[in-house]
Amino acid sequence: MGYINLFPILTGLVTNSSQVQSFVSKIQHLMTGKGLTSLRKGDREKVGRSENYWTGPIWMNINYMMLRALYTRYMDVPGVPELYNRLRTDLIDNVHSEFLRTGKLWENYHPDTGEGQGTAPFTGWTILINLIMAETY
C-alpha cells in the first residue's frame, strides 16, 4: 500500500461518498504523525534498503496533492475534515521542527523520525508547505 493506490483520490476522480470513505481508511495506513509516507511500514520492510527513494519517505508534493483533493473535493464526506486537519498539522509541525533544527528545507522527510533527507537546502516542492499553511489549493 502506497502513494500509487491513492491516485484516484489524489486526482479527484472518486465521486462516490462510500468510495471516498474507503480511501480515507486506506490513507490511515500511510499516516505517520509526520505526513503521508510513500509506502506503508510493513511494505517498506519487504522492500528493504536496496531501493528506498520512493518507498518510504514523506514527499511534500504528494502530500500537497492529497490535501488539495481533500479540501477542494471531499470536505463534505464524514471523516475527511478530521483527516485533512490532522495531515495538514502533521506536515506543518514536522517541516517547522526540521527547519528549526537544521535551518533547511529538505527534499523529503523520514517516515518514522520526520528528519529531513535527500537534498538540502531544497526549495522545490517542499516550498508547497507555504501554500499548505495558507490553505491555497
N, C-alpha and C. Protein backbone atom coordinates (compact mmCIF):
# COMPACT_ATOMS: atom_id res chain seq x y z
N MET A 1 0.85 -1.18 0.00
CA MET A 1 0.00 0.00 0.00
C MET A 1 0.89 1.24 0.00
N GLY A 2 0.65 2.12 -0.95
CA GLY A 2 1.45 3.32 -1.04
C GLY A 2 0.77 4.40 -1.85
N TYR A 3 1.55 5.39 -2.22
CA TYR A 3 1.01 6.51 -2.98
C TYR A 3 0.27 6.06 -4.23
N ILE A 4 0.80 5.04 -4.89
CA ILE A 4 0.19 4.58 -6.14
C ILE A 4 -1.28 4.22 -5.96
N ASN A 5 -1.63 3.71 -4.79
CA ASN A 5 -3.02 3.34 -4.51
C ASN A 5 -3.93 4.55 -4.32
N LEU A 6 -3.35 5.71 -4.12
CA LEU A 6 -4.14 6.89 -3.79
C LEU A 6 -4.46 7.79 -4.99
N PHE A 7 -3.89 7.49 -6.15
CA PHE A 7 -4.06 8.41 -7.27
C PHE A 7 -5.52 8.68 -7.66
N PRO A 8 -6.44 7.73 -7.56
CA PRO A 8 -7.83 8.08 -7.87
C PRO A 8 -8.38 9.20 -6.98
N ILE A 9 -7.98 9.21 -5.72
CA ILE A 9 -8.46 10.28 -4.84
C ILE A 9 -7.58 11.53 -4.96
N LEU A 10 -6.27 11.35 -5.15
CA LEU A 10 -5.37 12.50 -5.32
C LEU A 10 -5.79 13.37 -6.50
N THR A 11 -6.30 12.73 -7.53
CA THR A 11 -6.68 13.45 -8.74
C THR A 11 -8.16 13.86 -8.74
N GLY A 12 -8.88 13.52 -7.68
CA GLY A 12 -10.27 13.92 -7.55
C GLY A 12 -11.23 13.12 -8.41
N LEU A 13 -10.82 11.95 -8.86
CA LEU A 13 -11.67 11.15 -9.74
C LEU A 13 -12.76 10.38 -9.01
N VAL A 14 -12.57 10.14 -7.73
CA VAL A 14 -13.56 9.38 -6.96
C VAL A 14 -14.70 10.33 -6.60
N THR A 15 -15.92 9.93 -6.96
CA THR A 15 -17.07 10.79 -6.72
C THR A 15 -18.09 10.18 -5.75
N ASN A 16 -18.05 8.90 -5.56
CA ASN A 16 -18.98 8.21 -4.68
C ASN A 16 -18.52 8.35 -3.23
N SER A 17 -19.39 8.83 -2.37
CA SER A 17 -19.06 9.08 -0.97
C SER A 17 -18.54 7.83 -0.25
N SER A 18 -19.16 6.68 -0.51
CA SER A 18 -18.71 5.46 0.17
C SER A 18 -17.31 5.05 -0.31
N GLN A 19 -17.01 5.31 -1.58
CA GLN A 19 -15.67 5.02 -2.09
C GLN A 19 -14.64 5.97 -1.46
N VAL A 20 -15.03 7.22 -1.28
CA VAL A 20 -14.14 8.18 -0.62
C VAL A 20 -13.86 7.71 0.80
N GLN A 21 -14.88 7.27 1.50
CA GLN A 21 -14.69 6.77 2.87
C GLN A 21 -13.78 5.55 2.89
N SER A 22 -13.85 4.71 1.88
CA SER A 22 -12.95 3.56 1.78
C SER A 22 -11.50 4.04 1.62
N PHE A 23 -11.31 5.06 0.81
CA PHE A 23 -9.96 5.62 0.64
C PHE A 23 -9.46 6.25 1.94
N VAL A 24 -10.35 6.90 2.67
CA VAL A 24 -9.96 7.51 3.94
C VAL A 24 -9.40 6.45 4.87
N SER A 25 -10.01 5.28 4.91
CA SER A 25 -9.47 4.22 5.77
C SER A 25 -8.12 3.72 5.26
N LYS A 26 -7.92 3.70 3.95
CA LYS A 26 -6.62 3.30 3.39
C LYS A 26 -5.55 4.34 3.71
N ILE A 27 -5.93 5.59 3.64
CA ILE A 27 -4.98 6.68 3.92
C ILE A 27 -4.45 6.58 5.34
N GLN A 28 -5.29 6.13 6.26
CA GLN A 28 -4.87 5.99 7.66
C GLN A 28 -3.63 5.09 7.79
N HIS A 29 -3.49 4.12 6.89
CA HIS A 29 -2.34 3.21 6.93
C HIS A 29 -1.04 3.90 6.55
N LEU A 30 -1.12 5.06 5.90
CA LEU A 30 0.07 5.78 5.47
C LEU A 30 0.39 6.97 6.37
N MET A 31 -0.46 7.27 7.32
CA MET A 31 -0.24 8.39 8.23
C MET A 31 0.86 8.02 9.23
N THR A 32 1.79 8.92 9.44
CA THR A 32 2.92 8.64 10.33
C THR A 32 3.02 9.59 11.51
N GLY A 33 2.18 10.62 11.54
CA GLY A 33 2.34 11.67 12.53
C GLY A 33 3.29 12.74 12.04
N LYS A 34 3.88 12.52 10.87
CA LYS A 34 4.78 13.49 10.22
C LYS A 34 4.28 13.86 8.83
N GLY A 35 3.36 13.07 8.29
CA GLY A 35 2.82 13.24 6.96
C GLY A 35 2.48 11.87 6.40
N LEU A 36 2.05 11.84 5.14
CA LEU A 36 1.77 10.57 4.47
C LEU A 36 3.07 9.98 3.95
N THR A 37 3.37 8.77 4.37
CA THR A 37 4.56 8.08 3.87
C THR A 37 4.25 7.47 2.51
N SER A 38 5.26 7.32 1.70
CA SER A 38 5.05 6.82 0.34
C SER A 38 4.77 5.33 0.27
N LEU A 39 5.03 4.62 1.34
CA LEU A 39 4.76 3.18 1.38
C LEU A 39 4.50 2.78 2.83
N ARG A 40 3.45 1.99 3.03
CA ARG A 40 3.10 1.52 4.38
C ARG A 40 4.29 0.82 5.02
N LYS A 41 4.43 0.98 6.33
CA LYS A 41 5.59 0.47 7.05
C LYS A 41 5.84 -1.02 6.80
N GLY A 42 4.83 -1.85 6.89
CA GLY A 42 5.01 -3.28 6.65
C GLY A 42 5.52 -3.58 5.25
N ASP A 43 5.07 -2.80 4.29
CA ASP A 43 5.53 -2.97 2.91
C ASP A 43 6.94 -2.43 2.73
N ARG A 44 7.29 -1.37 3.46
CA ARG A 44 8.67 -0.85 3.41
C ARG A 44 9.66 -1.91 3.85
N GLU A 45 9.27 -2.66 4.88
CA GLU A 45 10.17 -3.69 5.41
C GLU A 45 10.40 -4.80 4.39
N LYS A 46 9.41 -5.06 3.54
CA LYS A 46 9.57 -6.08 2.50
C LYS A 46 10.53 -5.62 1.41
N VAL A 47 10.53 -4.32 1.13
CA VAL A 47 11.40 -3.78 0.08
C VAL A 47 12.85 -3.78 0.55
N GLY A 48 13.07 -3.52 1.83
CA GLY A 48 14.42 -3.48 2.36
C GLY A 48 15.09 -2.16 2.06
N ARG A 49 16.39 -2.15 2.13
CA ARG A 49 17.16 -0.92 1.96
C ARG A 49 17.70 -0.73 0.56
N SER A 50 17.48 -1.69 -0.33
CA SER A 50 18.07 -1.61 -1.66
C SER A 50 17.51 -0.44 -2.46
N GLU A 51 16.23 -0.15 -2.31
CA GLU A 51 15.61 0.96 -3.05
C GLU A 51 14.61 1.64 -2.14
N ASN A 52 15.01 2.75 -1.55
CA ASN A 52 14.08 3.41 -0.65
C ASN A 52 13.79 4.85 -1.03
N TYR A 53 14.15 5.26 -2.23
CA TYR A 53 13.94 6.64 -2.63
C TYR A 53 12.45 6.98 -2.65
N TRP A 54 11.65 6.18 -3.33
CA TRP A 54 10.20 6.40 -3.37
C TRP A 54 9.45 5.38 -2.52
N THR A 55 10.16 4.61 -1.75
CA THR A 55 9.50 3.56 -0.96
C THR A 55 9.66 3.83 0.53
N GLY A 56 9.10 4.90 0.97
CA GLY A 56 9.13 5.19 2.39
C GLY A 56 9.05 6.65 2.76
N PRO A 57 9.89 7.50 2.19
CA PRO A 57 9.91 8.90 2.64
C PRO A 57 8.58 9.62 2.47
N ILE A 58 8.48 10.72 3.18
CA ILE A 58 7.34 11.63 3.07
C ILE A 58 7.71 12.68 2.03
N TRP A 59 6.91 12.78 0.98
CA TRP A 59 7.16 13.72 -0.11
C TRP A 59 6.11 14.81 -0.06
N MET A 60 6.56 16.05 -0.03
CA MET A 60 5.63 17.17 0.10
C MET A 60 4.70 17.30 -1.11
N ASN A 61 5.20 16.99 -2.31
CA ASN A 61 4.36 17.14 -3.50
C ASN A 61 3.13 16.23 -3.44
N ILE A 62 3.29 15.01 -3.02
CA ILE A 62 2.15 14.08 -2.94
C ILE A 62 1.24 14.46 -1.76
N ASN A 63 1.84 14.86 -0.65
CA ASN A 63 1.03 15.29 0.49
C ASN A 63 0.21 16.53 0.13
N TYR A 64 0.79 17.45 -0.64
CA TYR A 64 0.04 18.62 -1.11
C TYR A 64 -1.14 18.18 -1.98
N MET A 65 -0.88 17.26 -2.89
CA MET A 65 -1.96 16.77 -3.76
C MET A 65 -3.09 16.17 -2.93
N MET A 66 -2.74 15.45 -1.87
CA MET A 66 -3.77 14.85 -1.01
C MET A 66 -4.57 15.94 -0.30
N LEU A 67 -3.87 16.90 0.28
CA LEU A 67 -4.58 17.97 0.97
C LEU A 67 -5.46 18.75 0.01
N ARG A 68 -4.96 19.01 -1.19
CA ARG A 68 -5.75 19.73 -2.18
C ARG A 68 -7.03 18.96 -2.52
N ALA A 69 -6.91 17.66 -2.74
CA ALA A 69 -8.08 16.84 -3.07
C ALA A 69 -9.07 16.82 -1.91
N LEU A 70 -8.56 16.61 -0.70
CA LEU A 70 -9.46 16.57 0.45
C LEU A 70 -10.19 17.90 0.62
N TYR A 71 -9.46 19.00 0.50
CA TYR A 71 -10.01 20.33 0.75
C TYR A 71 -10.97 20.79 -0.34
N THR A 72 -10.64 20.51 -1.59
CA THR A 72 -11.44 21.05 -2.69
C THR A 72 -12.55 20.12 -3.17
N ARG A 73 -12.46 18.82 -2.85
CA ARG A 73 -13.42 17.86 -3.40
C ARG A 73 -14.22 17.08 -2.35
N TYR A 74 -13.63 16.86 -1.16
CA TYR A 74 -14.20 15.84 -0.28
C TYR A 74 -14.52 16.29 1.14
N MET A 75 -14.50 17.58 1.43
CA MET A 75 -14.71 18.02 2.81
C MET A 75 -16.10 17.69 3.36
N ASP A 76 -17.06 17.39 2.50
CA ASP A 76 -18.41 17.05 2.95
C ASP A 76 -18.56 15.57 3.30
N VAL A 77 -17.52 14.79 3.09
CA VAL A 77 -17.56 13.35 3.38
C VAL A 77 -17.16 13.13 4.84
N PRO A 78 -17.94 12.37 5.61
CA PRO A 78 -17.61 12.12 7.01
C PRO A 78 -16.18 11.57 7.17
N GLY A 79 -15.46 12.15 8.11
CA GLY A 79 -14.10 11.73 8.40
C GLY A 79 -13.03 12.52 7.65
N VAL A 80 -13.41 13.14 6.55
CA VAL A 80 -12.42 13.88 5.75
C VAL A 80 -11.93 15.15 6.44
N PRO A 81 -12.80 15.97 7.03
CA PRO A 81 -12.27 17.17 7.68
C PRO A 81 -11.24 16.85 8.77
N GLU A 82 -11.49 15.80 9.53
CA GLU A 82 -10.54 15.41 10.58
C GLU A 82 -9.22 14.93 9.98
N LEU A 83 -9.30 14.13 8.93
CA LEU A 83 -8.10 13.66 8.25
C LEU A 83 -7.32 14.84 7.68
N TYR A 84 -8.02 15.73 7.01
CA TYR A 84 -7.39 16.91 6.43
C TYR A 84 -6.64 17.72 7.50
N ASN A 85 -7.32 18.02 8.60
CA ASN A 85 -6.70 18.82 9.65
C ASN A 85 -5.51 18.12 10.28
N ARG A 86 -5.63 16.83 10.48
CA ARG A 86 -4.52 16.08 11.08
C ARG A 86 -3.31 16.05 10.14
N LEU A 87 -3.52 15.75 8.87
CA LEU A 87 -2.42 15.69 7.92
C LEU A 87 -1.77 17.06 7.76
N ARG A 88 -2.56 18.09 7.62
CA ARG A 88 -2.03 19.45 7.46
C ARG A 88 -1.19 19.84 8.67
N THR A 89 -1.71 19.60 9.86
CA THR A 89 -0.98 19.93 11.09
C THR A 89 0.31 19.14 11.20
N ASP A 90 0.25 17.84 10.90
CA ASP A 90 1.45 16.99 10.96
C ASP A 90 2.54 17.53 10.04
N LEU A 91 2.18 17.88 8.81
CA LEU A 91 3.18 18.38 7.85
C LEU A 91 3.78 19.71 8.29
N ILE A 92 2.93 20.63 8.69
CA ILE A 92 3.42 21.95 9.12
C ILE A 92 4.34 21.80 10.32
N ASP A 93 3.90 21.04 11.31
CA ASP A 93 4.72 20.85 12.51
C ASP A 93 6.06 20.21 12.20
N ASN A 94 6.05 19.19 11.32
CA ASN A 94 7.30 18.50 11.03
C ASN A 94 8.27 19.37 10.25
N VAL A 95 7.80 20.04 9.20
CA VAL A 95 8.70 20.89 8.41
C VAL A 95 9.24 22.02 9.29
N HIS A 96 8.39 22.59 10.10
CA HIS A 96 8.82 23.66 11.01
C HIS A 96 9.88 23.16 11.98
N SER A 97 9.63 22.01 12.58
CA SER A 97 10.57 21.42 13.53
C SER A 97 11.93 21.16 12.88
N GLU A 98 11.90 20.59 11.68
CA GLU A 98 13.15 20.30 10.99
C GLU A 98 13.87 21.57 10.54
N PHE A 99 13.10 22.58 10.17
CA PHE A 99 13.72 23.85 9.80
C PHE A 99 14.40 24.48 11.01
N LEU A 100 13.75 24.44 12.16
CA LEU A 100 14.37 24.96 13.38
C LEU A 100 15.62 24.18 13.74
N ARG A 101 15.57 22.86 13.55
CA ARG A 101 16.70 22.00 13.91
C ARG A 101 17.89 22.17 12.97
N THR A 102 17.61 22.31 11.66
CA THR A 102 18.70 22.30 10.67
C THR A 102 18.88 23.61 9.91
N GLY A 103 17.87 24.45 9.94
CA GLY A 103 17.92 25.69 9.17
C GLY A 103 17.67 25.48 7.69
N LYS A 104 17.12 24.32 7.32
CA LYS A 104 16.93 23.99 5.91
C LYS A 104 15.57 23.35 5.67
N LEU A 105 15.09 23.49 4.43
CA LEU A 105 14.00 22.68 3.92
C LEU A 105 14.64 21.50 3.21
N TRP A 106 13.99 20.35 3.26
CA TRP A 106 14.58 19.13 2.73
C TRP A 106 13.77 18.58 1.56
N GLU A 107 14.41 17.76 0.76
CA GLU A 107 13.76 17.13 -0.40
C GLU A 107 12.62 16.22 0.03
N ASN A 108 12.84 15.44 1.08
CA ASN A 108 11.82 14.57 1.64
C ASN A 108 12.13 14.35 3.11
N TYR A 109 11.25 13.66 3.78
CA TYR A 109 11.37 13.51 5.24
C TYR A 109 11.22 12.04 5.63
N HIS A 110 12.01 11.63 6.63
CA HIS A 110 11.98 10.25 7.09
C HIS A 110 10.60 9.92 7.65
N PRO A 111 10.03 8.77 7.26
CA PRO A 111 8.66 8.45 7.67
C PRO A 111 8.48 8.19 9.16
N ASP A 112 9.52 7.78 9.84
CA ASP A 112 9.39 7.48 11.27
C ASP A 112 9.83 8.64 12.15
N THR A 113 10.96 9.26 11.81
CA THR A 113 11.51 10.31 12.66
C THR A 113 11.13 11.71 12.19
N GLY A 114 10.76 11.84 10.92
CA GLY A 114 10.47 13.15 10.35
C GLY A 114 11.70 13.95 9.98
N GLU A 115 12.88 13.36 10.18
CA GLU A 115 14.12 14.08 9.85
C GLU A 115 14.24 14.29 8.35
N GLY A 116 14.78 15.46 7.99
CA GLY A 116 14.99 15.78 6.60
C GLY A 116 15.96 14.81 5.95
N GLN A 117 15.70 14.49 4.69
CA GLN A 117 16.55 13.56 3.92
C GLN A 117 16.73 14.11 2.51
N GLY A 118 17.67 13.51 1.81
CA GLY A 118 17.89 13.90 0.42
C GLY A 118 18.59 15.24 0.34
N THR A 119 18.29 15.98 -0.68
CA THR A 119 18.93 17.25 -0.95
C THR A 119 18.47 18.33 0.02
N ALA A 120 19.41 19.14 0.46
CA ALA A 120 19.10 20.31 1.29
C ALA A 120 20.19 21.35 1.05
N PRO A 121 19.89 22.60 1.00
CA PRO A 121 18.53 23.13 1.06
C PRO A 121 17.77 22.81 -0.22
N PHE A 122 16.48 22.58 -0.04
CA PHE A 122 15.64 22.17 -1.17
C PHE A 122 14.36 22.99 -1.13
N THR A 123 14.21 23.89 -2.08
CA THR A 123 13.01 24.71 -2.11
C THR A 123 12.07 24.29 -3.22
N GLY A 124 12.35 23.18 -3.89
CA GLY A 124 11.46 22.67 -4.93
C GLY A 124 10.08 22.47 -4.37
N TRP A 125 9.59 21.25 -4.38
CA TRP A 125 8.21 21.00 -3.93
C TRP A 125 8.02 21.21 -2.44
N THR A 126 9.09 21.23 -1.66
CA THR A 126 8.92 21.42 -0.23
C THR A 126 8.40 22.82 0.08
N ILE A 127 8.61 23.76 -0.82
CA ILE A 127 8.07 25.10 -0.61
C ILE A 127 6.54 25.10 -0.65
N LEU A 128 5.95 24.00 -1.11
CA LEU A 128 4.49 23.86 -1.07
C LEU A 128 3.96 23.99 0.36
N ILE A 129 4.82 23.84 1.36
CA ILE A 129 4.38 24.00 2.74
C ILE A 129 3.78 25.38 2.95
N ASN A 130 4.27 26.38 2.21
CA ASN A 130 3.69 27.74 2.32
C ASN A 130 2.25 27.76 1.84
N LEU A 131 1.98 27.08 0.73
CA LEU A 131 0.60 27.01 0.24
C LEU A 131 -0.28 26.21 1.18
N ILE A 132 0.28 25.18 1.78
CA ILE A 132 -0.46 24.37 2.75
C ILE A 132 -0.84 25.23 3.96
N MET A 133 0.11 26.02 4.45
CA MET A 133 -0.19 26.88 5.59
C MET A 133 -1.26 27.92 5.24
N ALA A 134 -1.22 28.42 4.01
CA ALA A 134 -2.19 29.42 3.58
C ALA A 134 -3.50 28.79 3.10
N GLU A 135 -3.54 27.48 3.04
CA GLU A 135 -4.67 26.74 2.50
C GLU A 135 -5.03 27.25 1.10
N THR A 136 -3.99 27.40 0.30
CA THR A 136 -4.15 27.81 -1.10
C THR A 136 -3.95 26.58 -1.96
N TYR A 137 -5.04 26.07 -2.46
CA TYR A 137 -5.00 24.87 -3.29
C TYR A 137 -5.55 25.20 -4.66
